[in-house]
Protein backbone atom coordinates (compact mmCIF):
# COMPACT_ATOMS: atom_id res chain seq x y z
CA MET A 1 84.96 34.30 102.78
CA SER A 2 86.21 37.31 100.95
CA GLU A 3 87.44 37.39 97.47
CA ILE A 4 90.30 39.47 96.28
CA THR A 5 89.65 41.40 93.18
CA ALA A 6 92.64 42.18 91.05
CA VAL A 7 92.86 45.84 90.06
CA PRO A 8 94.82 46.41 86.91
CA LEU A 9 97.54 49.05 87.31
CA ARG A 10 98.13 51.50 84.55
CA PRO A 11 101.72 52.10 83.63
CA VAL A 12 103.16 55.42 84.74
CA ALA A 13 103.42 57.80 81.82
CA LYS A 14 106.92 58.65 80.69
CA GLY A 15 108.23 61.74 82.52
CA THR A 16 105.61 61.69 85.29
CA LEU A 17 108.11 60.80 88.02
CA THR A 18 110.44 63.53 86.81
CA LYS A 19 107.61 66.08 86.95
CA LEU A 20 106.64 64.85 90.43
CA TRP A 21 110.20 65.25 91.76
CA LEU A 22 110.54 68.67 90.12
CA GLY A 23 107.28 69.73 91.78
CA VAL A 24 108.51 68.51 95.16
CA GLY A 25 111.81 70.38 94.62
CA VAL A 26 110.04 73.62 93.71
CA ALA A 27 107.77 73.32 96.77
CA VAL A 28 110.80 72.83 99.04
CA VAL A 29 112.60 75.85 97.53
CA ILE A 30 109.52 78.05 97.96
CA GLY A 31 109.05 76.84 101.53
CA VAL A 32 112.67 77.58 102.42
CA GLY A 33 112.40 81.03 100.81
CA VAL A 34 109.24 81.91 102.75
CA ALA A 35 110.77 80.66 106.00
CA TRP A 36 113.96 82.64 105.37
CA ALA A 37 112.03 85.85 104.59
CA GLY A 38 109.95 85.52 107.75
CA THR A 39 113.01 84.76 109.83
CA SER A 40 115.03 87.67 108.42
CA LYS A 41 112.23 90.09 109.37
CA GLN A 42 112.11 88.71 112.89
CA VAL A 43 115.91 88.90 113.15
CA ALA A 44 115.79 92.54 112.02
CA MET A 45 113.22 93.33 114.72
CA GLY A 46 115.17 91.39 117.37
CA GLN A 47 118.58 92.98 116.88
CA PRO A 48 119.54 96.21 118.62
CA PRO A 49 118.84 99.34 116.55
CA SER A 50 122.55 100.20 116.43
CA VAL A 51 123.36 96.83 114.80
CA PHE A 52 120.66 97.22 112.15
CA LEU A 53 121.62 100.83 111.41
CA ALA A 54 125.35 99.98 111.15
CA LYS A 55 124.61 97.24 108.58
CA ASN A 56 122.09 99.40 106.74
CA ALA A 57 124.54 102.33 106.49
CA LYS A 58 126.86 100.13 104.41
CA LYS A 59 124.25 99.51 101.71
CA HIS A 60 124.71 101.22 98.35
CA GLY A 61 123.13 104.68 98.25
CA VAL A 62 122.42 104.97 101.99
CA VAL A 63 123.60 108.25 103.56
CA THR A 64 123.90 108.85 107.32
CA THR A 65 123.47 112.38 108.69
CA PRO A 66 125.37 113.60 111.78
CA SER A 67 122.22 113.07 113.89
CA GLY A 68 122.05 109.38 112.88
CA LEU A 69 119.18 109.60 110.36
CA GLU A 70 119.79 107.27 107.41
CA TYR A 71 118.24 107.98 104.04
CA GLN A 72 118.31 106.85 100.44
CA VAL A 73 117.22 108.88 97.42
CA LEU A 74 114.72 106.78 95.46
CA GLY A 75 113.82 109.58 93.07
CA ALA A 76 115.29 113.06 92.68
CA GLY A 77 113.26 116.23 92.93
CA GLN A 78 113.71 119.83 91.79
CA GLY A 79 113.80 123.25 93.36
CA ALA A 80 114.19 124.47 96.91
CA HIS A 81 114.24 122.40 100.07
CA PRO A 82 111.52 123.02 102.68
CA GLY A 83 112.52 124.74 105.89
CA PRO A 84 111.24 123.91 109.38
CA GLN A 85 108.52 126.57 109.17
CA ASP A 86 107.20 125.48 105.76
CA ILE A 87 104.12 123.38 105.14
CA VAL A 88 104.45 120.32 102.93
CA GLN A 89 102.10 117.97 101.15
CA ILE A 90 103.49 114.45 101.26
CA GLU A 91 102.65 110.84 100.65
CA TYR A 92 104.27 108.40 103.05
CA ASP A 93 104.33 104.78 104.15
CA GLY A 94 105.68 104.14 107.65
CA LYS A 95 106.86 100.63 108.54
CA LEU A 96 108.57 98.74 111.30
CA LEU A 97 111.65 96.72 110.39
CA ASP A 98 109.56 93.54 110.11
CA GLY A 99 107.63 95.17 107.25
CA THR A 100 104.48 95.96 109.26
CA THR A 101 102.90 99.23 108.09
CA PHE A 102 101.88 101.32 111.11
CA ASP A 103 100.72 104.41 109.20
CA SER A 104 100.34 105.43 105.59
CA THR A 105 98.65 108.16 103.58
CA ALA A 106 97.18 105.36 101.45
CA GLN A 107 95.28 104.20 104.57
CA HIS A 108 93.82 107.70 104.87
CA GLY A 109 93.05 108.02 101.16
CA GLN A 110 94.84 111.33 100.64
CA PRO A 111 98.22 113.02 100.98
CA ALA A 112 99.12 114.55 104.34
CA VAL A 113 99.49 118.31 104.73
CA MET A 114 101.71 119.29 107.66
CA PRO A 115 104.31 121.74 108.89
CA VAL A 116 107.82 120.34 108.55
CA ALA A 117 108.52 120.97 112.26
CA GLY A 118 105.25 119.24 113.26
CA SER A 119 106.65 115.71 113.36
CA ILE A 120 109.25 113.55 115.10
CA PRO A 121 112.79 114.96 114.78
CA GLY A 122 114.07 112.37 112.28
CA PHE A 123 111.09 112.83 109.97
CA SER A 124 111.39 116.63 110.11
CA GLU A 125 115.13 116.41 109.35
CA GLY A 126 114.50 114.08 106.42
CA LEU A 127 111.84 116.32 104.89
CA GLN A 128 114.31 119.22 104.86
CA LEU A 129 116.71 117.15 102.72
CA MET A 130 114.11 116.69 99.98
CA GLN A 131 113.03 118.78 97.01
CA ARG A 132 109.61 118.96 95.39
CA GLY A 133 108.86 115.71 93.54
CA ALA A 134 111.56 113.74 95.38
CA ARG A 135 111.02 110.27 96.80
CA TYR A 136 113.20 109.22 99.75
CA ARG A 137 113.43 106.31 102.16
CA PHE A 138 114.25 107.23 105.76
CA TRP A 139 115.47 104.93 108.52
CA ILE A 140 114.85 106.84 111.71
CA PRO A 141 116.71 105.66 114.83
CA PRO A 142 114.74 105.49 118.10
CA GLN A 143 116.37 108.62 119.54
CA LEU A 144 114.97 110.62 116.57
CA ALA A 145 111.57 108.89 116.75
CA TYR A 146 109.69 107.57 119.82
CA GLY A 147 112.64 106.30 121.87
CA GLU A 148 112.14 104.04 124.86
CA GLN A 149 108.41 104.77 125.23
CA GLY A 150 107.28 103.67 121.76
CA ALA A 151 103.93 104.98 120.48
CA GLY A 152 100.38 104.15 119.54
CA ASP A 153 99.60 101.86 122.50
CA GLY A 154 102.19 99.32 121.38
CA VAL A 155 101.78 99.77 117.62
CA ILE A 156 105.32 101.14 117.57
CA PRO A 157 107.33 99.16 120.14
CA PRO A 158 109.94 100.86 122.36
CA ASN A 159 113.34 101.48 120.73
CA SER A 160 112.03 100.90 117.21
CA VAL A 161 113.82 101.96 114.06
CA LEU A 162 111.17 103.39 111.73
CA GLN A 163 111.31 103.16 107.95
CA PHE A 164 109.42 105.73 105.90
CA ASP A 165 109.04 105.96 102.13
CA VAL A 166 108.16 109.62 101.50
CA THR A 167 107.22 111.54 98.36
CA LEU A 168 107.28 115.33 98.67
CA ARG A 169 104.47 116.73 96.52
CA GLU A 170 104.31 120.44 97.41
CA ILE A 171 106.02 123.05 99.59
CA ALA A 172 104.34 126.23 100.85
CA PRO A 173 105.36 128.87 103.39
CA GLN A 174 103.58 128.43 106.71
CA GLN A 175 100.32 130.35 106.87
CA PRO A 176 99.51 132.53 109.90
CA GLY A 177 97.30 130.69 112.35
CA TYR A 178 98.11 127.26 110.95
CA GLY A 179 99.98 126.30 114.11
CA ALA A 180 102.07 123.18 114.54
CA ALA A 181 99.54 120.57 113.51
CA GLY A 182 101.24 117.27 112.83
CA MET A 183 100.02 114.37 110.78
CA GLY A 184 97.76 113.34 113.65
CA ALA A 185 96.24 116.73 114.34
CA PRO A 186 93.27 118.36 112.62
CA GLY A 187 94.36 119.21 109.13
CA GLY A 188 96.82 116.30 109.11
CA ALA A 189 96.35 112.76 107.94
CA GLY A 190 97.34 110.13 110.44
CA GLY A 191 99.23 109.96 113.68
CA ALA A 192 102.45 108.04 113.52
CA ALA A 193 104.89 110.73 112.57
CA ASN A 194 104.00 113.54 114.94
């Protein structure tokens, strides 16, 4: 028959159970935090734009223009503001409310050069609020962006609020023959904001 071999058990070192329970507690807290962050992004995407924008407008430092564009100054600039006919050099990061980046100058490896009027209405309006060297965050409601049709073959869903972090590097008067090239046209750097 079989024999049973006794295996000697080592005593548990002092404090090991405490460390184990602390580790379990930390893992639970991290798991809850990750789940909450993921859920909050999905909730933001699932709520009507008007609900998100109404809540966002109440945050410290957020300003709402008469058109409905919301913006926050992240860094002040100096000098004149660009007009609709000026050309600007900008760096930008465009995101959906769930945090998904749909377009960014970092993806293209260089700043974008574009006429102020060569983009969606909310983006153009926001650029005209800035000064050289300024960094702003825009929340553009659907009616000032891509509305009910969305854009980019589903990359930007219908009725999406767009969030852009924009740094205005340079302003120049529009040159003859430059036309109305947007970020997605030749001479631009991308495609989401035109």
